Amino acid sequence: MVMSLELKNQIEKARHNLHMLVEHHEGGLGHPDVIRQSMALDELINEYNRMNRSQTRN
């Protein structure tokens, strides 16, 4: 459960960073920095979903 909380915090930080990058690049969703951050956020969300799936199976 502690790992889950840490991962949730990482997701929230990555989400915030993505939002800030979009603002910084004036809504430029295709900017390489925005895409890179979006991919990092996606990976954290995927990891969180994998953890939850494995916990519900046990």
Protein backbone atom coordinates (compact mmCIF):
# COMPACT_ATOMS: atom_id res chain seq x y z
CA MET A 1 0.00 0.00 0.00
CA VAL A 2 2.92 2.36 0.71
CA MET A 3 4.20 1.83 -2.84
CA SER A 4 0.75 2.67 -4.13
CA LEU A 5 0.75 5.97 -2.23
CA GLU A 6 4.23 6.83 -3.50
CA LEU A 7 3.16 6.00 -7.05
CA LYS A 8 0.03 8.14 -6.68
CA ASN A 9 2.24 11.03 -5.59
CA GLN A 10 4.52 10.51 -8.60
CA ILE A 11 1.49 10.47 -10.89
CA GLU A 12 0.16 13.69 -9.40
CA LYS A 13 3.56 15.38 -9.76
CA ALA A 14 3.87 14.21 -13.38
CA ARG A 15 0.33 15.41 -14.11
CA HIS A 16 1.13 18.81 -12.63
CA ASN A 17 4.37 19.02 -14.62
CA LEU A 18 2.47 18.18 -17.81
CA HIS A 19 -0.07 20.90 -17.11
CA MET A 20 2.70 23.43 -16.49
CA LEU A 21 4.50 22.45 -19.71
CA VAL A 22 1.32 22.88 -21.75
CA GLU A 23 0.86 26.34 -20.25
CA HIS A 24 4.51 27.21 -20.82
CA HIS A 25 4.29 26.19 -24.48
CA GLU A 26 1.01 28.09 -24.87
CA GLY A 27 -1.15 25.02 -25.40
CA GLY A 28 1.33 23.39 -27.76
CA LEU A 29 0.34 19.77 -27.23
CA GLY A 30 2.68 18.68 -30.02
CA HIS A 31 5.78 20.22 -28.43
CA PRO A 32 8.44 17.55 -27.79
CA ASP A 33 8.66 18.42 -24.07
CA VAL A 34 4.90 18.03 -23.67
CA ILE A 35 4.86 14.73 -25.54
CA ARG A 36 7.77 13.42 -23.47
CA GLN A 37 6.05 14.36 -20.20
CA SER A 38 2.76 12.88 -21.39
CA MET A 39 4.51 9.60 -22.16
CA ALA A 40 6.14 9.59 -18.71
CA LEU A 41 2.73 10.18 -17.10
CA ASP A 42 1.20 7.39 -19.20
CA GLU A 43 3.88 4.98 -18.03
CA LEU A 44 3.27 5.83 -14.37
CA ILE A 45 -0.48 5.33 -14.84
CA ASN A 46 0.14 2.00 -16.58
CA GLU A 47 2.37 0.90 -13.69
CA TYR A 48 -0.32 1.89 -11.19
CA ASN A 49 -2.95 -0.05 -13.15
CA ARG A 50 -0.70 -3.13 -13.34
CA MET A 51 -0.18 -2.98 -9.56
CA ASN A 52 -3.91 -2.71 -8.89
CA ARG A 53 -4.71 -5.52 -11.29
CA SER A 54 -2.21 -7.86 -9.64
CA GLN A 55 -3.50 -6.97 -6.15
CA THR A 56 -7.12 -7.69 -7.08
CA ARG A 57 -6.15 -11.09 -8.50
CA ASN A 58 -4.58 -12.19 -5.19
